[in-house]
Amino acid sequence: MDIIIRDNYDDMSQYAAEIIAALVKLKPDCVLGLATGSTPIGTYKKLISMHQQGLDFSNVKTFNLDEYYGIGIDMEKPYSADQSYARFMYEELFRHINIKPENIHIPDGLTKEPHKFCQWYEDEIKKAGGIDLQLLGMGGDGHWAFNEPGSSLSSRTRVEALAQQTLDDNYEAFYKKAGISREQMPHFAITMGIGTILESKSILMIVNGAKKADVVAKCLEGPVTSQITSSAIQLYGGGATVVLDREAASKLKNLSHYMHVEKARLAYGL
């Protein structure tokens, strides 16, 4: 696992975007796993800028991590003002690049048969050849996607009840400004499982901000536990890269070592 520290959010976003862009150039038909939330917005903005300079997404396929259950998007009006993650992805990335609509996969929050849909989503990932690179953020309690504390580290795509901290965080970030009450916001979500995520061929996790410094340290340097589902990254056997800004990295006990390793790798071309 490579732990990369950057001075600020913009530098972190640039580094992450360069990793994704390098894969798209190397493998134009790659399969990207994508995340929502405030953290990846900067990375998506960098990718949009790279597309405007020639980065081609026309053969890329994407699978999003999650979606609220009970809300969705009108695909004939994909930029409508709702609080779905599908809407978020179209506004923050998809509408600005040349990805084909048929290559976009987002969990269907309006499905009438959620359990069948979850199995279908798993099957579609396999049909696509698996996820080449999975982009991940981290929730305030250390969760990945909507794999809330206590989720099995071998879990698959499923319907998950949202934890209170997730409800609080999402209310402040998305629903409060839209005038939607806590009672009206979704309390369940469809999410890829930890087991699904760990089958990705590579993982790119990005985290920023002092508020997440404690949980970053627990994730990367503490015990692997289902109470902090992102700690499963310690079990990952593929190529994992964690990119942090200085604030998010500030509680790491081995911070100086991680920075030394990055400098040494650059010096030796590794």
Protein backbone atom coordinates (compact mmCIF):
# COMPACT_ATOMS: atom_id res chain seq x y z
CA MET A 1 0.00 0.00 0.00
CA ASP A 2 1.37 3.39 -1.02
CA ILE A 3 0.46 6.29 1.26
CA ILE A 4 0.92 9.63 -0.48
CA ILE A 5 0.75 12.94 1.41
CA ARG A 6 0.00 16.17 -0.41
CA ASP A 7 -0.05 19.69 0.99
CA ASN A 8 -3.69 20.46 0.34
CA TYR A 9 -6.96 19.31 -1.19
CA ASP A 10 -6.16 20.65 -4.65
CA ASP A 11 -2.82 18.84 -4.81
CA MET A 12 -4.43 15.66 -3.51
CA SER A 13 -7.14 15.89 -6.18
CA GLN A 14 -4.57 16.48 -8.91
CA TYR A 15 -2.54 13.44 -7.88
CA ALA A 16 -5.62 11.21 -7.81
CA ALA A 17 -6.82 12.47 -11.19
CA GLU A 18 -3.42 11.76 -12.72
CA ILE A 19 -3.60 8.14 -11.54
CA ILE A 20 -7.04 7.71 -13.12
CA ALA A 21 -6.02 9.50 -16.33
CA ALA A 22 -2.93 7.31 -16.67
CA LEU A 23 -5.10 4.20 -16.55
CA VAL A 24 -7.57 5.62 -19.10
CA LYS A 25 -4.69 6.35 -21.49
CA LEU A 26 -3.11 2.94 -20.95
CA LYS A 27 -6.39 1.03 -21.18
CA PRO A 28 -9.03 3.11 -23.03
CA ASP A 29 -11.76 0.53 -22.29
CA CYS A 30 -10.97 0.31 -18.58
CA VAL A 31 -13.63 -0.17 -15.91
CA LEU A 32 -13.67 2.51 -13.22
CA GLY A 33 -15.42 2.24 -9.87
CA LEU A 34 -16.56 5.71 -8.82
CA ALA A 35 -17.53 7.38 -5.56
CA THR A 36 -19.76 10.27 -4.55
CA GLY A 37 -19.54 12.76 -1.70
CA SER A 38 -17.61 15.99 -1.35
CA THR A 39 -14.11 14.47 -1.40
CA PRO A 40 -13.97 13.32 -5.06
CA ILE A 41 -15.43 16.53 -6.51
CA GLY A 42 -11.96 18.02 -6.91
CA THR A 43 -10.70 14.89 -8.64
CA TYR A 44 -13.64 14.98 -11.04
CA LYS A 45 -12.98 18.63 -11.84
CA LYS A 46 -9.38 17.75 -12.70
CA LEU A 47 -10.56 14.88 -14.94
CA ILE A 48 -13.00 17.21 -16.72
CA SER A 49 -10.13 19.61 -17.40
CA MET A 50 -8.02 16.72 -18.71
CA HIS A 51 -10.89 15.67 -20.98
CA GLN A 52 -11.07 19.20 -22.37
CA GLN A 53 -7.40 18.76 -23.21
CA GLY A 54 -8.00 15.46 -24.99
CA LEU A 55 -8.51 12.67 -22.43
CA ASP A 56 -10.95 10.26 -24.07
CA PHE A 57 -13.63 8.51 -22.00
CA SER A 58 -15.63 7.15 -24.94
CA ASN A 59 -14.83 3.49 -24.21
CA VAL A 60 -14.60 3.69 -20.43
CA LYS A 61 -17.18 1.85 -18.31
CA THR A 62 -18.09 2.97 -14.81
CA PHE A 63 -19.78 1.41 -11.79
CA ASN A 64 -20.78 3.62 -8.90
CA LEU A 65 -20.47 2.42 -5.35
CA ASP A 66 -23.90 3.27 -4.05
CA GLU A 67 -27.25 5.03 -4.23
CA TYR A 68 -29.94 5.94 -1.75
CA TYR A 69 -32.86 3.52 -1.75
CA GLY A 70 -36.18 5.16 -2.50
CA ILE A 71 -34.93 7.98 -4.71
CA GLY A 72 -33.55 7.97 -8.22
CA ILE A 73 -33.15 9.86 -11.42
CA ASP A 74 -35.23 10.39 -14.53
CA MET A 75 -32.80 9.26 -17.22
CA GLU A 76 -34.63 11.41 -19.75
CA LYS A 77 -33.90 14.41 -17.53
CA PRO A 78 -30.66 13.37 -15.86
CA TYR A 79 -29.78 16.84 -14.61
CA SER A 80 -32.94 17.38 -12.61
CA ALA A 81 -32.50 18.80 -9.11
CA ASP A 82 -32.93 15.80 -6.83
CA GLN A 83 -30.63 14.45 -4.13
CA SER A 84 -29.77 11.15 -5.79
CA TYR A 85 -26.19 10.10 -6.27
CA ALA A 86 -27.02 9.55 -9.92
CA ARG A 87 -27.83 13.24 -10.23
CA PHE A 88 -24.60 14.08 -8.41
CA MET A 89 -22.52 12.02 -10.84
CA TYR A 90 -24.14 13.55 -13.91
CA GLU A 91 -23.64 17.07 -12.63
CA GLU A 92 -20.13 16.62 -11.26
CA LEU A 93 -18.66 14.43 -14.01
CA PHE A 94 -20.67 12.61 -16.65
CA ARG A 95 -22.30 15.57 -18.38
CA HIS A 96 -18.87 17.13 -18.89
CA ILE A 97 -17.05 14.19 -20.52
CA ASN A 98 -17.65 11.99 -23.56
CA ILE A 99 -18.64 8.81 -21.73
CA LYS A 100 -21.42 6.80 -23.39
CA PRO A 101 -24.65 6.60 -21.34
CA GLU A 102 -24.82 2.84 -21.83
CA ASN A 103 -21.42 2.51 -20.16
CA ILE A 104 -22.58 4.19 -16.94
CA HIS A 105 -23.78 1.93 -14.13
CA ILE A 106 -25.32 3.37 -10.97
CA PRO A 107 -27.42 1.39 -8.46
CA ASP A 108 -31.13 1.90 -9.11
CA GLY A 109 -32.64 3.46 -6.01
CA LEU A 110 -36.12 3.07 -7.48
CA THR A 111 -35.97 -0.66 -8.20
CA LYS A 112 -39.00 -2.63 -7.01
CA GLU A 113 -36.86 -5.74 -6.47
CA PRO A 114 -33.76 -4.49 -4.66
CA HIS A 115 -32.31 -7.89 -3.78
CA LYS A 116 -32.55 -9.12 -7.38
CA PHE A 117 -31.06 -5.85 -8.55
CA CYS A 118 -28.10 -6.24 -6.20
CA GLN A 119 -27.30 -9.66 -7.67
CA TRP A 120 -27.69 -8.23 -11.18
CA TYR A 121 -25.22 -5.43 -10.31
CA GLU A 122 -22.66 -7.97 -9.11
CA ASP A 123 -23.15 -9.96 -12.33
CA GLU A 124 -22.70 -6.84 -14.48
CA ILE A 125 -19.39 -6.05 -12.80
CA LYS A 126 -18.20 -9.58 -13.57
CA LYS A 127 -19.43 -9.33 -17.18
CA ALA A 128 -17.40 -6.15 -17.59
CA GLY A 129 -14.28 -8.04 -16.53
CA GLY A 130 -14.16 -6.61 -13.01
CA ILE A 131 -13.26 -3.13 -11.82
CA ASP A 132 -9.80 -2.02 -12.90
CA LEU A 133 -9.57 0.88 -10.46
CA GLN A 134 -11.93 1.65 -7.60
CA LEU A 135 -11.98 5.24 -6.36
CA LEU A 136 -12.94 5.50 -2.69
CA GLY A 137 -13.50 8.20 -0.13
CA MET A 138 -14.12 7.61 3.56
CA GLY A 139 -17.07 8.45 5.77
CA GLY A 140 -16.70 10.27 9.06
CA ASP A 141 -16.81 6.98 10.96
CA GLY A 142 -14.41 5.29 8.55
CA HIS A 143 -16.90 3.53 6.32
CA TRP A 144 -16.55 2.78 2.60
CA ALA A 145 -19.58 3.47 0.40
CA PHE A 146 -22.56 2.69 2.65
CA ASN A 147 -20.85 -0.20 4.42
CA GLU A 148 -21.71 1.09 7.85
CA PRO A 149 -19.94 0.05 11.08
CA GLY A 150 -20.52 -3.66 11.69
CA SER A 151 -20.76 -4.57 7.99
CA SER A 152 -19.13 -7.86 7.09
CA LEU A 153 -15.72 -7.47 5.47
CA SER A 154 -16.81 -10.11 2.94
CA SER A 155 -20.15 -8.42 2.15
CA ARG A 156 -21.55 -8.07 -1.36
CA THR A 157 -23.83 -5.51 -3.02
CA ARG A 158 -26.95 -5.22 -0.87
CA VAL A 159 -29.49 -2.91 0.81
CA GLU A 160 -28.00 -1.36 3.96
CA ALA A 161 -29.59 0.68 6.76
CA LEU A 162 -27.78 3.99 7.25
CA ALA A 163 -26.04 4.71 10.55
CA GLN A 164 -26.93 7.80 12.55
CA GLN A 165 -23.63 9.54 11.79
CA THR A 166 -24.12 8.96 8.07
CA LEU A 167 -27.63 10.38 8.28
CA ASP A 168 -26.32 13.42 10.16
CA ASP A 169 -23.42 13.98 7.74
CA ASN A 170 -25.58 13.62 4.65
CA TYR A 171 -28.32 15.82 6.04
CA GLU A 172 -25.85 18.66 6.59
CA ALA A 173 -24.10 18.12 3.24
CA PHE A 174 -27.08 17.58 0.94
CA TYR A 175 -30.59 17.66 2.41
CA LYS A 176 -30.60 20.67 4.71
CA LYS A 177 -29.75 23.07 1.89
CA ALA A 178 -32.50 21.52 -0.25
CA GLY A 179 -35.11 22.13 2.45
CA ILE A 180 -35.68 18.40 3.04
CA SER A 181 -36.34 17.30 6.62
CA ARG A 182 -34.47 14.52 8.41
CA GLU A 183 -37.66 12.44 8.38
CA GLN A 184 -38.00 12.76 4.60
CA MET A 185 -34.42 11.82 3.71
CA PRO A 186 -33.66 8.18 2.79
CA HIS A 187 -32.68 5.84 5.61
CA PHE A 188 -31.52 2.96 3.40
CA ALA A 189 -29.12 2.63 0.50
CA ILE A 190 -27.94 0.13 -2.10
CA THR A 191 -24.20 -0.30 -1.76
CA MET A 192 -21.36 -2.39 -3.09
CA GLY A 193 -20.04 -4.61 -0.31
CA ILE A 194 -16.55 -4.67 1.13
CA GLY A 195 -15.96 -8.03 -0.53
CA THR A 196 -17.01 -6.53 -3.88
CA ILE A 197 -14.67 -3.56 -3.43
CA LEU A 198 -11.72 -5.77 -2.46
CA GLU A 199 -12.06 -7.67 -5.75
CA SER A 200 -11.08 -4.53 -7.68
CA LYS A 201 -7.75 -4.81 -9.47
CA SER A 202 -6.51 -1.60 -7.85
CA ILE A 203 -7.79 0.78 -5.19
CA LEU A 204 -7.38 4.55 -4.92
CA MET A 205 -8.58 6.04 -1.62
CA ILE A 206 -8.62 9.80 -1.11
CA VAL A 207 -9.29 11.57 2.20
CA ASN A 208 -8.95 15.22 3.19
CA GLY A 209 -9.53 17.42 6.19
CA ALA A 210 -8.64 17.52 9.87
CA LYS A 211 -12.05 16.13 10.87
CA LYS A 212 -11.06 12.74 9.46
CA ALA A 213 -7.51 12.63 10.82
CA ASP A 214 -8.38 10.37 13.76
CA VAL A 215 -10.30 7.84 11.70
CA VAL A 216 -7.62 7.86 8.97
CA ALA A 217 -5.09 6.81 11.60
CA LYS A 218 -7.40 4.07 12.85
CA CYS A 219 -8.04 2.87 9.30
CA LEU A 220 -4.40 2.68 8.23
CA GLU A 221 -2.57 1.96 11.48
CA GLY A 222 -5.16 0.40 13.78
CA PRO A 223 -6.61 -3.09 13.81
CA VAL A 224 -8.71 -4.36 10.92
CA THR A 225 -12.28 -4.22 12.15
CA SER A 226 -15.81 -4.23 10.81
CA GLN A 227 -16.43 -1.17 12.97
CA ILE A 228 -14.19 0.81 10.58
CA THR A 229 -14.91 -0.87 7.27
CA SER A 230 -12.24 1.08 5.38
CA SER A 231 -9.63 -0.70 7.53
CA ALA A 232 -10.18 -3.62 5.15
CA ILE A 233 -7.68 -1.84 2.89
CA GLN A 234 -5.03 -3.47 5.10
CA LEU A 235 -6.20 -6.84 3.77
CA TYR A 236 -6.08 -5.81 0.14
CA GLY A 237 -3.62 -7.81 -1.91
CA GLY A 238 -3.59 -5.69 -5.07
CA GLY A 239 -2.18 -2.23 -5.72
CA ALA A 240 -3.67 0.22 -3.22
CA THR A 241 -2.84 3.92 -3.17
CA VAL A 242 -4.01 6.21 -0.38
CA VAL A 243 -3.76 9.95 -1.08
CA LEU A 244 -4.19 12.31 1.87
CA ASP A 245 -3.85 16.01 2.40
CA ARG A 246 -1.67 17.08 5.35
CA GLU A 247 -4.65 17.69 7.62
CA ALA A 248 -6.07 14.18 7.11
CA ALA A 249 -2.59 12.68 7.60
CA SER A 250 -1.80 14.68 10.73
CA LYS A 251 -2.58 11.91 13.26
CA LEU A 252 -0.60 9.14 11.54
CA LYS A 253 2.11 7.79 13.85
CA ASN A 254 4.30 6.77 10.92
CA LEU A 255 3.82 9.95 8.89
CA SER A 256 7.54 10.65 8.49
CA HIS A 257 8.11 7.09 7.29
CA TYR A 258 5.41 7.34 4.62
CA MET A 259 6.91 10.58 3.33
CA HIS A 260 10.40 9.05 3.33
CA VAL A 261 9.17 6.04 1.35
CA GLU A 262 7.62 8.26 -1.33
CA LYS A 263 10.85 10.25 -1.72
CA ALA A 264 12.90 7.05 -1.88
CA ARG A 265 10.62 5.53 -4.52
CA LEU A 266 10.98 8.65 -6.66
CA ALA A 267 14.76 8.65 -6.23
CA TYR A 268 15.06 5.01 -7.27
CA GLY A 269 12.35 5.17 -9.96
CA LEU A 270 10.18 2.59 -8.20
